[in-house]
């Protein structure tokens, strides 16, 4: 047995890019993409991606390892670029469409982007970003994506190419550039902006293959689902579902922007079966007035922030089947999920929602997860109370941060763990629950307060639409909880005192917000995460309570 060794036949680098080729064979005449009046089949999508990859290499001159950026909402081109860019040998970098010109300029310079595809509606911001480049730095080549694939609309005479005209220059018989090693970089993702210092997260073909297959298995995605793209593909590559939907021959419903009413219309029109969404989207769906419960169940995978149990309860009452997961940009996709146990069906709806709000156990693609005491580095007690840092190890963990050896070494440590910076507890049944980001824990009079727990109580108030809790300086306690809330339309909105009294009836006294600030809406990233660093600054400016 010791004479047996790996061979070329069993050592071919794995990559999720190959899922498209298979989809064209198995699901060739089935619908792959629907966007307004644009409809493609899987055979057509494969052909378009091959031609664009060919053009990137032969016409533009993209070399293996060059970074190609995209600034676009969920358009068909955005979906295709998830395949075309790595097929050309390039590294895909998707950029948050809500970033300002200064930040976009910094990211493009940091990544040394050679070429950027830009939605035509973002023309002004990308040109402003280019104007902010250092004098000695040449901006990348710019190619605009025109809506509905129409080159006659919103085109620009000062450009050599648009997306469609470049694609038409490609060779349909192009042999796409396969990775030399499965550890070759495939995507570069900048962290989502809930902190003020985004980092460039690099993932390999191997990691993304594992994450994609793992996500399909864990969510039990069947063949040929109808997937509604509410999750921005620029956020951690849509949790790897652009590649995953090719693997199962899905119909991808793309949309530029949405509100709750339009989502319900699309769900009914296309008989949607699956969608991913941040908790803020669940809240939006649950609070849409006049909506009747769905006639067919829609599977929703939510992640990005711990969903408050009251929001889960309201969403599921409308007929949505919510699965809850946990992942980071650095893990590529969901790596902890909450498998449902049959005995939980006997519990009350409120108790079921509380259990489902927990993050859960490792997915099959993760090797290990744990919660470690920050001082001893030992596993915390499985009592649902002892706080520690969540750590992970597994095949989808990122390669490291681009040009940031120090940042990489701080979270990918020599003990073999990826340190997430998230604070959690482990319950007696082995299920993990996030309590906060380490920077969001409020320390009041020596007591650690989980902002997530306080927020969950606030969401239970019938008048509260959105809630976020941060630390406010306090001369006596050091800091105290400060709640920022937006309200549903009410004839008699609650006062600050009403909110505080509501919390006092449900929380220990030291956890009750000392201050409540009413806002029309809370600041968010494009993926619906509330930007607590913005609120922390507001609370800081307010001064000591």
Protein backbone atom coordinates (compact mmCIF):
# COMPACT_ATOMS: atom_id res chain seq x y z
CA UNK A 1 0.00 0.00 0.00
CA UNK A 2 2.86 2.47 0.69
CA UNK A 3 3.87 2.29 -2.99
CA UNK A 4 0.62 3.90 -4.08
CA UNK A 5 0.98 7.56 -4.95
CA UNK A 6 -1.17 10.34 -6.39
CA UNK A 7 -1.27 10.38 -10.18
CA UNK A 8 -2.20 12.92 -12.84
CA UNK A 9 -5.59 11.20 -13.16
CA UNK A 10 -6.58 11.86 -9.54
CA UNK A 11 -4.73 15.12 -8.93
CA UNK A 12 -6.49 17.46 -11.35
CA UNK A 13 -7.06 20.83 -9.63
CA UNK A 14 -10.65 21.23 -8.46
CA UNK A 15 -12.53 24.43 -9.33
CA UNK A 16 -16.21 25.46 -9.30
CA UNK A 17 -15.75 27.06 -12.75
CA UNK A 18 -16.24 23.63 -14.35
CA UNK A 19 -19.83 23.47 -13.08
CA UNK A 20 -20.86 25.68 -16.02
CA UNK A 21 -19.54 23.26 -18.61
CA UNK A 22 -21.53 20.44 -17.04
CA UNK A 23 -24.67 22.60 -16.79
CA UNK A 24 -24.48 23.28 -20.54
CA UNK A 25 -24.45 19.52 -21.18
CA UNK A 26 -27.07 18.43 -18.65
CA UNK A 27 -29.40 21.46 -18.63
CA UNK A 28 -28.48 22.99 -22.01
CA UNK A 29 -31.97 23.98 -23.17
CA UNK A 30 -33.24 24.91 -19.71
CA UNK A 31 -33.46 28.54 -18.62
CA UNK A 32 -30.37 29.80 -16.83
CA UNK A 33 -31.02 33.54 -16.41
CA UNK A 34 -34.07 35.79 -16.47
CA UNK A 35 -33.68 39.55 -16.24
CA UNK A 36 -36.63 41.68 -17.34
CA UNK A 37 -37.11 40.58 -20.98
CA UNK A 38 -33.68 38.96 -21.27
CA UNK A 39 -33.72 35.15 -21.08
CA UNK A 40 -30.77 32.78 -21.59
CA UNK A 41 -30.42 28.99 -21.52
CA UNK A 42 -27.51 27.18 -19.91
CA UNK A 43 -26.07 26.42 -23.35
CA UNK A 44 -26.17 30.13 -24.20
CA UNK A 45 -24.67 31.14 -20.85
CA UNK A 46 -21.77 28.73 -21.35
CA UNK A 47 -21.16 30.09 -24.85
CA UNK A 48 -21.27 33.70 -23.67
CA UNK A 49 -18.84 33.02 -20.83
CA UNK A 50 -16.40 31.21 -23.12
CA UNK A 51 -16.48 34.04 -25.66
CA UNK A 52 -15.93 36.70 -23.02
CA UNK A 53 -13.07 34.73 -21.44
CA UNK A 54 -11.50 34.36 -24.88
CA UNK A 55 -11.82 38.09 -25.56
CA UNK A 56 -10.34 38.98 -22.19
CA UNK A 57 -7.27 36.93 -23.02
CA UNK A 58 -6.80 37.53 -26.75
CA UNK A 59 -8.23 41.04 -27.21
CA UNK A 60 -7.49 42.71 -23.85
CA UNK A 61 -4.36 40.68 -23.09
CA UNK A 62 -5.30 39.45 -19.61
CA UNK A 63 -2.60 37.25 -18.14
CA UNK A 64 -2.89 34.55 -15.50
CA UNK A 65 -3.21 36.20 -12.09
CA UNK A 66 -4.37 39.64 -13.32
CA UNK A 67 -7.13 41.19 -11.22
CA UNK A 68 -10.37 42.09 -13.01
CA UNK A 69 -12.87 44.13 -10.99
CA UNK A 70 -16.64 44.50 -11.38
CA UNK A 71 -18.90 47.27 -10.08
CA UNK A 72 -22.43 46.12 -10.80
CA UNK A 73 -25.74 45.09 -9.22
CA UNK A 74 -27.20 41.64 -9.89
CA UNK A 75 -27.32 41.82 -13.69
CA UNK A 76 -26.75 38.86 -16.06
CA UNK A 77 -23.26 40.18 -16.82
CA UNK A 78 -22.40 40.07 -13.12
CA UNK A 79 -23.41 36.41 -13.04
CA UNK A 80 -21.44 35.58 -16.21
CA UNK A 81 -18.28 37.30 -14.96
CA UNK A 82 -18.10 34.83 -12.07
CA UNK A 83 -17.19 32.27 -14.71
CA UNK A 84 -15.61 34.33 -17.50
CA UNK A 85 -12.94 36.01 -15.39
CA UNK A 86 -11.44 32.82 -13.89
CA UNK A 87 -11.87 31.12 -17.31
CA UNK A 88 -9.49 33.75 -18.71
CA UNK A 89 -6.96 33.09 -15.95
CA UNK A 90 -7.86 36.33 -14.17
CA UNK A 91 -8.80 36.88 -10.53
CA UNK A 92 -12.31 38.23 -9.94
CA UNK A 93 -12.82 41.21 -7.63
CA UNK A 94 -16.45 42.26 -7.09
CA UNK A 95 -16.89 45.73 -5.56
CA UNK A 96 -19.69 46.93 -3.29
CA UNK A 97 -21.90 49.29 -5.32
CA UNK A 98 -22.61 51.48 -2.29
CA UNK A 99 -19.02 52.48 -1.69
CA UNK A 100 -17.97 56.06 -2.24
CA UNK A 101 -15.52 57.11 -4.97
CA UNK A 102 -12.61 57.51 -2.54
CA UNK A 103 -12.93 53.95 -1.22
CA UNK A 104 -13.36 52.49 -4.72
CA UNK A 105 -10.21 54.32 -5.79
CA UNK A 106 -8.28 52.88 -2.84
CA UNK A 107 -9.47 49.32 -3.56
CA UNK A 108 -8.60 49.54 -7.25
CA UNK A 109 -5.11 50.79 -6.47
CA UNK A 110 -4.57 48.23 -3.72
CA UNK A 111 -5.67 45.32 -5.93
CA UNK A 112 -3.72 46.64 -8.96
CA UNK A 113 -6.80 46.04 -11.09
CA UNK A 114 -6.02 45.74 -14.82
CA UNK A 115 -9.60 46.05 -16.06
CA UNK A 116 -12.93 47.00 -14.52
CA UNK A 117 -16.45 46.27 -15.76
CA UNK A 118 -18.89 48.95 -14.57
CA UNK A 119 -22.68 49.18 -14.71
CA UNK A 120 -23.57 52.20 -16.85
CA UNK A 121 -25.50 53.78 -13.95
CA UNK A 122 -22.23 53.91 -11.97
CA UNK A 123 -20.41 55.89 -14.68
CA UNK A 124 -20.06 59.08 -12.64
CA UNK A 125 -18.71 57.43 -9.49
CA UNK A 126 -16.11 55.34 -11.34
CA UNK A 127 -14.85 58.38 -13.25
CA UNK A 128 -14.61 60.25 -9.95
CA UNK A 129 -12.72 57.30 -8.46
CA UNK A 130 -10.28 57.40 -11.39
CA UNK A 131 -9.71 61.12 -10.81
CA UNK A 132 -8.55 60.31 -7.26
CA UNK A 133 -5.76 57.97 -8.40
CA UNK A 134 -2.23 59.11 -7.52
CA UNK A 135 -0.65 61.01 -10.46
CA UNK A 136 1.86 58.24 -11.17
CA UNK A 137 -0.79 55.48 -11.20
CA UNK A 138 -2.64 54.57 -14.39
CA UNK A 139 -6.35 53.73 -13.88
CA UNK A 140 -7.48 50.33 -15.17
CA UNK A 141 -9.15 49.87 -18.54
CA UNK A 142 -12.87 50.63 -18.26
CA UNK A 143 -15.68 48.64 -19.90
CA UNK A 144 -19.33 49.53 -19.33
CA UNK A 145 -22.14 47.02 -18.86
CA UNK A 146 -25.29 48.17 -20.63
CA UNK A 147 -28.69 47.19 -19.32
CA UNK A 148 -30.46 44.19 -20.91
CA UNK A 149 -27.40 43.55 -23.08
CA UNK A 150 -28.32 46.50 -25.35
CA UNK A 151 -25.23 48.23 -26.75
CA UNK A 152 -27.32 50.92 -28.42
CA UNK A 153 -28.57 52.20 -25.07
CA UNK A 154 -26.41 54.29 -22.73
CA UNK A 155 -23.31 53.47 -24.73
CA UNK A 156 -20.31 55.78 -24.77
CA UNK A 157 -18.47 56.85 -27.91
CA UNK A 158 -15.19 57.38 -26.03
CA UNK A 159 -14.82 53.66 -25.26
CA UNK A 160 -13.33 50.97 -27.49
CA UNK A 161 -15.60 48.31 -26.01
CA UNK A 162 -18.77 47.70 -24.07
CA UNK A 163 -19.48 44.38 -22.39
CA UNK A 164 -21.47 43.01 -25.33
CA UNK A 165 -19.13 44.25 -28.05
CA UNK A 166 -16.14 42.73 -26.27
CA UNK A 167 -17.98 39.44 -25.81
CA UNK A 168 -18.71 39.26 -29.54
CA UNK A 169 -14.97 39.41 -30.28
CA UNK A 170 -14.36 36.15 -28.43
CA UNK A 171 -13.82 32.64 -29.79
CA UNK A 172 -16.62 30.15 -29.10
CA UNK A 173 -14.11 27.27 -29.19
CA UNK A 174 -11.82 28.87 -26.62
CA UNK A 175 -10.10 26.39 -24.29
CA UNK A 176 -10.51 28.08 -20.96
CA UNK A 177 -7.54 28.57 -18.67
CA UNK A 178 -7.63 25.93 -15.99
CA UNK A 179 -5.75 26.50 -12.71
CA UNK A 180 -2.25 25.06 -12.53
CA UNK A 181 -2.89 24.30 -8.88
CA UNK A 182 -6.15 24.23 -6.96
CA UNK A 183 -4.46 26.62 -4.52
CA UNK A 184 -4.21 29.29 -7.25
CA UNK A 185 -6.13 32.47 -6.30
CA UNK A 186 -9.54 32.74 -7.97
CA UNK A 187 -11.27 35.69 -6.28
CA UNK A 188 -10.36 38.75 -4.25
CA UNK A 189 -13.11 40.05 -1.95
CA UNK A 190 -12.87 43.15 0.20
CA UNK A 191 -14.60 42.90 3.56
CA UNK A 192 -18.07 44.37 3.52
CA UNK A 193 -17.54 47.68 5.27
CA UNK A 194 -19.18 47.14 8.69
CA UNK A 195 -15.79 48.27 9.95
CA UNK A 196 -13.92 51.28 8.63
CA UNK A 197 -10.91 49.34 7.28
CA UNK A 198 -11.78 46.77 4.57
CA UNK A 199 -9.24 44.03 3.85
CA UNK A 200 -8.56 42.10 0.64
CA UNK A 201 -9.59 38.47 1.19
CA UNK A 202 -8.04 35.99 -1.26
CA UNK A 203 -9.72 32.64 -1.99
CA UNK A 204 -8.42 29.70 -4.02
CA UNK A 205 -10.16 27.49 -6.59
CA UNK A 206 -10.02 24.68 -4.05
CA UNK A 207 -11.61 26.67 -1.24
CA UNK A 208 -14.43 27.94 -3.45
CA UNK A 209 -15.13 24.45 -4.82
CA UNK A 210 -15.44 23.08 -1.28
CA UNK A 211 -17.56 26.02 -0.13
CA UNK A 212 -19.92 25.75 -3.11
CA UNK A 213 -20.57 22.02 -2.82
CA UNK A 214 -20.79 22.29 0.95
CA UNK A 215 -23.46 25.02 0.70
CA UNK A 216 -25.60 23.01 -1.73
CA UNK A 217 -25.48 19.92 0.48
CA UNK A 218 -26.07 21.78 3.74
CA UNK A 219 -29.08 23.71 2.39
CA UNK A 220 -30.38 20.58 0.60
CA UNK A 221 -30.73 22.46 -2.69
CA UNK A 222 -32.52 20.23 -5.24
CA UNK A 223 -31.95 20.11 -9.00
CA UNK A 224 -33.32 23.01 -11.03
CA UNK A 225 -34.56 25.37 -8.32
CA UNK A 226 -35.75 28.90 -9.14
CA UNK A 227 -33.33 31.22 -7.36
CA UNK A 228 -34.17 34.90 -6.74
CA UNK A 229 -31.04 37.05 -6.47
CA UNK A 230 -31.85 39.31 -3.52
CA UNK A 231 -28.35 38.76 -2.10
CA UNK A 232 -25.79 40.98 -3.89
CA UNK A 233 -23.33 38.87 -5.86
CA UNK A 234 -20.60 41.32 -4.87
CA UNK A 235 -21.00 40.21 -1.25
CA UNK A 236 -18.68 37.21 -0.79
CA UNK A 237 -19.60 36.19 -4.37
CA UNK A 238 -23.22 35.70 -3.35
CA UNK A 239 -22.09 33.09 -0.77
CA UNK A 240 -20.79 30.98 -3.71
CA UNK A 241 -24.28 30.47 -5.17
CA UNK A 242 -23.40 31.81 -8.67
CA UNK A 243 -21.33 28.64 -9.09
CA UNK A 244 -23.75 26.57 -7.01
CA UNK A 245 -26.74 27.45 -9.20
CA UNK A 246 -24.83 26.23 -12.25
CA UNK A 247 -24.12 22.95 -10.48
CA UNK A 248 -27.86 22.27 -10.04
CA UNK A 249 -29.09 23.84 -13.28
CA UNK A 250 -31.12 26.56 -11.56
CA UNK A 251 -33.10 29.40 -13.08
CA UNK A 252 -31.45 32.61 -11.85
CA UNK A 253 -33.84 35.56 -11.49
CA UNK A 254 -31.65 38.67 -11.64
CA UNK A 255 -32.80 42.11 -10.55
CA UNK A 256 -31.19 45.52 -10.36
CA UNK A 257 -32.94 46.66 -7.16
CA UNK A 258 -35.95 45.67 -5.12
CA UNK A 259 -38.43 46.49 -2.42
CA UNK A 260 -40.73 44.13 -0.54
CA UNK A 261 -43.66 44.55 -2.95
CA UNK A 262 -41.53 43.82 -6.02
CA UNK A 263 -40.06 40.75 -4.36
CA UNK A 264 -43.49 39.32 -3.69
CA UNK A 265 -44.44 40.01 -7.33
CA UNK A 266 -41.35 38.18 -8.63
CA UNK A 267 -41.90 35.27 -6.25
CA UNK A 268 -45.40 34.77 -7.62
CA UNK A 269 -44.52 35.46 -11.27
CA UNK A 270 -41.61 33.01 -11.46
CA UNK A 271 -42.66 30.55 -8.74
CA UNK A 272 -39.45 31.17 -6.86
CA UNK A 273 -38.26 28.32 -4.63
CA UNK A 274 -35.04 29.67 -3.08
CA UNK A 275 -33.46 32.96 -2.09
CA UNK A 276 -30.74 34.27 0.22
CA UNK A 277 -31.12 37.38 2.31
CA UNK A 278 -29.66 39.28 5.23
CA UNK A 279 -31.94 39.57 8.30
CA UNK A 280 -32.85 43.13 7.27
CA UNK A 281 -34.53 41.73 4.12
CA UNK A 282 -36.47 39.25 6.27
CA UNK A 283 -37.64 42.17 8.37
CA UNK A 284 -38.66 44.06 5.23
CA UNK A 285 -40.66 41.09 3.90
CA UNK A 286 -42.31 40.44 7.25
CA UNK A 287 -43.41 44.06 7.67
CA UNK A 288 -44.85 44.63 4.19
CA UNK A 289 -48.45 45.69 4.77
CA UNK A 290 -51.34 43.77 3.24
CA UNK A 291 -49.34 40.64 2.36
CA UNK A 292 -51.15 37.32 2.58
CA UNK A 293 -49.32 34.09 3.53
CA UNK A 294 -47.64 32.43 0.55
CA UNK A 295 -49.38 29.59 -1.26
CA UNK A 296 -46.08 27.76 -1.82
CA UNK A 297 -43.15 27.64 0.59
CA UNK A 298 -40.02 29.64 -0.22
CA UNK A 299 -36.70 28.49 1.20
CA UNK A 300 -34.70 31.43 2.55
CA UNK A 301 -31.11 31.17 3.75
CA UNK A 302 -30.21 34.08 6.00
CA UNK A 303 -26.82 35.09 7.35
CA UNK A 304 -24.65 38.16 7.76
CA UNK A 305 -25.94 39.04 11.23
CA UNK A 306 -27.76 37.08 13.93
CA UNK A 307 -31.48 37.29 13.02
CA UNK A 308 -33.66 38.35 15.96
CA UNK A 309 -36.09 35.59 16.96
CA UNK A 310 -39.16 37.88 16.58
CA UNK A 311 -38.20 38.58 12.95
CA UNK A 312 -37.82 34.84 12.24
CA UNK A 313 -41.21 34.19 13.80
CA UNK A 314 -42.98 36.81 11.68
CA UNK A 315 -41.24 35.70 8.46
CA UNK A 316 -42.12 32.03 8.91
CA UNK A 317 -45.74 32.90 9.69
CA UNK A 318 -45.99 34.13 6.07
CA UNK A 319 -44.89 30.76 4.69
CA UNK A 320 -41.14 31.32 4.29
CA UNK A 321 -38.97 28.39 5.41
CA UNK A 322 -35.97 30.09 7.00
CA UNK A 323 -32.58 28.42 7.34
CA UNK A 324 -30.00 30.27 9.36
CA UNK A 325 -26.27 30.13 8.76
CA UNK A 326 -23.03 31.80 9.73
CA UNK A 327 -20.04 32.65 7.62
CA UNK A 328 -17.61 35.43 6.88
CA UNK A 329 -15.95 36.87 3.80
CA UNK A 330 -12.93 34.85 4.94
CA UNK A 331 -14.87 31.55 4.82
CA UNK A 332 -16.38 32.16 1.34
CA UNK A 333 -19.81 30.82 2.33
CA UNK A 334 -21.92 29.47 5.19
CA UNK A 335 -19.77 27.26 7.42
CA UNK A 336 -22.04 26.92 10.46
CA UNK A 337 -25.74 26.16 10.14
CA UNK A 338 -28.64 25.21 12.39
CA UNK A 339 -29.93 21.72 11.46
CA UNK A 340 -33.47 21.26 12.68
CA UNK A 341 -34.27 18.45 15.12
CA UNK A 342 -37.70 16.74 14.83
CA UNK A 343 -38.37 17.01 18.56
CA UNK A 344 -38.24 20.81 18.29
CA UNK A 345 -41.48 20.74 16.28
CA UNK A 346 -43.35 20.09 19.55
CA UNK A 347 -42.20 23.39 21.03
CA UNK A 348 -44.06 26.69 20.93
CA UNK A 349 -43.52 28.99 17.96
CA UNK A 350 -41.58 31.43 20.12
CA UNK A 351 -39.26 28.71 21.42
CA UNK A 352 -38.74 27.33 17.90
CA UNK A 353 -37.75 30.80 16.67
CA UNK A 354 -35.31 31.18 19.57
CA UNK A 355 -33.62 27.88 18.70
CA UNK A 356 -33.49 28.71 15.00
CA UNK A 357 -31.79 32.05 15.78
CA UNK A 358 -28.75 30.11 17.02
CA UNK A 359 -25.96 29.64 14.48
CA UNK A 360 -25.71 25.87 15.03
CA UNK A 361 -23.06 23.30 14.14
CA UNK A 362 -20.31 23.05 11.53
CA UNK A 363 -21.24 22.23 7.96
CA UNK A 364 -19.81 19.08 6.39
CA UNK A 365 -17.03 21.07 4.71
CA UNK A 366 -15.69 22.42 7.99
CA UNK A 367 -13.21 20.28 9.90
CA UNK A 368 -13.74 21.79 13.35
CA UNK A 369 -15.32 24.74 15.13
CA UNK A 370 -14.89 25.82 18.73
CA UNK A 371 -15.31 28.71 21.14
CA UNK A 372 -12.09 29.53 22.98
CA UNK A 373 -11.57 31.47 26.19
CA UNK A 374 -9.60 34.63 25.21
CA UNK A 375 -7.19 34.30 28.13
CA UNK A 376 -6.54 30.56 28.47
CA UNK A 377 -7.22 29.61 24.79
CA UNK A 378 -9.11 26.59 26.19
CA UNK A 379 -12.59 25.59 25.04
CA UNK A 380 -15.30 27.38 27.02
CA UNK A 381 -17.87 25.44 29.03
CA UNK A 382 -20.84 24.18 27.03
CA UNK A 383 -23.33 26.01 29.21
CA UNK A 384 -24.72 28.60 26.79
CA UNK A 385 -23.30 31.34 29.04
CA UNK A 386 -19.49 31.27 28.90
CA UNK A 387 -18.27 33.72 26.27
CA UNK A 388 -15.28 33.15 24.00
CA UNK A 389 -13.97 33.76 20.49
CA UNK A 390 -15.31 31.60 17.67
CA UNK A 391 -12.56 29.74 15.82
CA UNK A 392 -12.72 27.61 12.67
CA UNK A 393 -10.64 25.27 10.54
CA UNK A 394 -11.60 23.76 7.21
CA UNK A 395 -11.08 23.68 3.45
CA UNK A 396 -12.91 26.90 2.58
CA UNK A 397 -10.87 29.18 4.85
CA UNK A 398 -9.21 31.93 2.82
CA UNK A 399 -5.55 32.00 1.78
CA UNK A 400 -4.89 35.30 3.53
CA UNK A 401 -5.22 39.08 3.20
CA UNK A 402 -3.69 40.68 0.12
CA UNK A 403 -0.47 42.56 0.95
CA UNK A 404 -1.17 42.24 4.68
CA UNK A 405 1.06 39.65 6.30
CA UNK A 406 0.50 41.09 9.79
CA UNK A 407 -3.30 41.03 9.47
CA UNK A 408 -3.14 37.49 8.10
CA UNK A 409 -0.95 36.22 10.95
CA UNK A 410 -3.28 37.75 13.55
CA UNK A 411 -6.24 35.63 12.48
CA UNK A 412 -4.55 32.58 10.86
CA UNK A 413 -2.45 31.55 13.82
CA UNK A 414 0.19 28.85 14.24
CA UNK A 415 -2.23 26.74 16.32
CA UNK A 416 -4.17 25.95 13.13
CA UNK A 417 -7.29 27.99 13.88
CA UNK A 418 -8.86 30.89 12.02
CA UNK A 419 -9.79 33.44 14.69
CA UNK A 420 -13.02 35.10 13.56
CA UNK A 421 -13.25 38.01 15.99
CA UNK A 422 -16.81 36.94 16.78
CA UNK A 423 -17.89 36.29 20.37
CA UNK A 424 -20.14 33.32 21.07
CA UNK A 425 -21.22 30.60 23.45
CA UNK A 426 -21.53 26.84 23.07
CA UNK A 427 -24.78 25.31 24.28
CA UNK A 428 -24.96 21.93 26.05
CA UNK A 429 -26.35 20.32 22.88
CA UNK A 430 -23.24 21.37 20.92
CA UNK A 431 -24.95 24.21 19.05
CA UNK A 432 -23.04 27.48 18.70
CA UNK A 433 -24.63 30.89 19.22
CA UNK A 434 -23.07 34.22 18.33
CA UNK A 435 -23.35 36.84 21.01
CA UNK A 436 -21.47 39.69 19.33
CA UNK A 437 -18.50 40.91 17.37
CA UNK A 438 -15.65 41.35 19.82
CA UNK A 439 -15.64 45.09 19.09
CA UNK A 440 -19.41 45.31 19.71
CA UNK A 441 -19.44 43.83 23.22
CA UNK A 442 -20.41 46.55 25.72
CA UNK A 443 -18.52 46.48 29.02
CA UNK A 444 -20.56 48.25 31.68
CA UNK A 445 -19.30 48.26 35.24
CA UNK A 446 -17.17 45.21 34.48
CA UNK A 447 -20.11 43.25 33.02
CA UNK A 448 -20.01 42.06 29.40
CA UNK A 449 -23.23 42.96 27.57
CA UNK A 450 -24.16 41.30 24.29
CA UNK A 451 -25.63 43.95 22.00
CA UNK A 452 -27.30 41.14 20.01
CA UNK A 453 -29.33 40.04 23.06
CA UNK A 454 -30.55 43.56 23.72
CA UNK A 455 -31.43 44.02 20.04
CA UNK A 456 -33.48 40.82 20.07
CA UNK A 457 -35.63 42.26 22.88
CA UNK A 458 -36.03 45.56 21.04
CA UNK A 459 -37.22 43.73 17.91
CA UNK A 460 -39.94 42.12 20.01
CA UNK A 461 -41.51 45.55 20.59
CA UNK A 462 -44.46 45.84 18.20
CA UNK A 463 -43.52 49.39 17.14
CA UNK A 464 -39.82 48.74 16.40
CA UNK A 465 -38.80 48.23 12.78
CA UNK A 466 -34.99 48.20 13.12
CA UNK A 467 -32.68 48.23 16.13
CA UNK A 468 -28.98 48.41 16.89
CA UNK A 469 -27.25 48.75 20.24
CA UNK A 470 -23.79 50.21 20.78
CA UNK A 471 -21.70 51.48 23.69
CA UNK A 472 -22.08 55.08 24.87
CA UNK A 473 -19.46 56.55 27.21
CA UNK A 474 -20.59 56.80 30.84
CA UNK A 475 -18.70 58.59 33.60
CA UNK A 476 -19.68 56.07 36.28
CA UNK A 477 -20.08 52.72 34.45
CA UNK A 478 -17.45 53.28 31.76
CA UNK A 479 -20.02 52.65 29.04
CA UNK A 480 -23.71 51.80 28.84
CA UNK A 481 -26.01 50.43 26.12
CA UNK A 482 -27.31 53.02 23.68
CA UNK A 483 -30.15 51.86 21.40
CA UNK A 484 -30.72 53.29 17.93
CA UNK A 485 -34.16 52.35 16.61
CA UNK A 486 -36.39 53.12 13.65
CA UNK A 487 -40.13 52.73 14.10
CA UNK A 488 -42.99 51.35 12.05
CA UNK A 489 -45.63 53.93 11.07
CA UNK A 490 -47.66 54.38 14.24
CA UNK A 491 -50.40 56.80 15.24
CA UNK A 492 -48.92 57.02 18.74
CA UNK A 493 -45.20 56.20 18.55
CA UNK A 494 -43.53 55.04 21.77
CA UNK A 495 -41.31 57.40 23.72
CA UNK A 496 -37.79 56.74 24.92
CA UNK A 497 -39.24 55.93 28.34
CA UNK A 498 -41.68 53.41 26.80
CA UNK A 499 -38.85 51.56 25.05
CA UNK A 500 -36.69 51.51 28.17
CA UNK A 501 -39.55 50.19 30.32
CA UNK A 502 -40.26 47.47 27.74
CA UNK A 503 -36.61 46.34 27.92
CA UNK A 504 -36.56 46.55 31.71
CA UNK A 505 -39.36 43.97 31.88
CA UNK A 506 -37.32 41.49 29.81
CA UNK A 507 -33.66 42.10 30.62
CA UNK A 508 -31.37 42.30 33.65
CA UNK A 509 -31.12 45.90 34.79
CA UNK A 510 -27.48 46.35 33.69
CA UNK A 511 -28.38 45.31 30.11
CA UNK A 512 -31.26 47.79 29.68
CA UNK A 513 -30.43 50.68 27.29
CA UNK A 514 -29.85 53.89 29.18
CA UNK A 515 -30.38 55.90 26.00
CA UNK A 516 -32.75 55.41 23.07
CA UNK A 517 -32.20 57.37 19.86
CA UNK A 518 -34.96 57.39 17.23
CA UNK A 519 -33.83 57.44 13.58
CA UNK A 520 -35.77 57.38 10.32
CA UNK A 521 -33.53 54.50 9.17
CA UNK A 522 -30.27 52.96 10.35
CA UNK A 523 -27.07 53.12 8.26
CA UNK A 524 -26.38 49.86 6.43
CA UNK A 525 -23.97 48.20 4.06
CA UNK A 526 -25.28 47.05 0.67
CA UNK A 527 -25.93 43.60 2.13
CA UNK A 528 -28.14 44.91 4.90
CA UNK A 529 -25.67 44.80 7.78
CA UNK A 530 -26.17 47.73 10.12
CA UNK A 531 -23.00 49.81 10.26
CA UNK A 532 -22.40 49.89 13.97
CA UNK A 533 -19.14 51.76 13.63
CA UNK A 534 -21.17 54.73 12.33
CA UNK A 535 -23.55 54.48 15.30
CA UNK A 536 -20.66 54.10 17.74
CA UNK A 537 -19.27 57.41 16.48
CA UNK A 538 -22.68 59.04 16.97
CA UNK A 539 -22.88 57.71 20.52
CA UNK A 540 -19.34 58.90 21.19
CA UNK A 541 -20.18 62.41 19.95
CA UNK A 542 -23.22 62.45 22.27
CA UNK A 543 -20.76 62.32 25.17
CA UNK A 544 -21.06 60.66 28.56
CA UNK A 545 -24.56 59.63 29.63
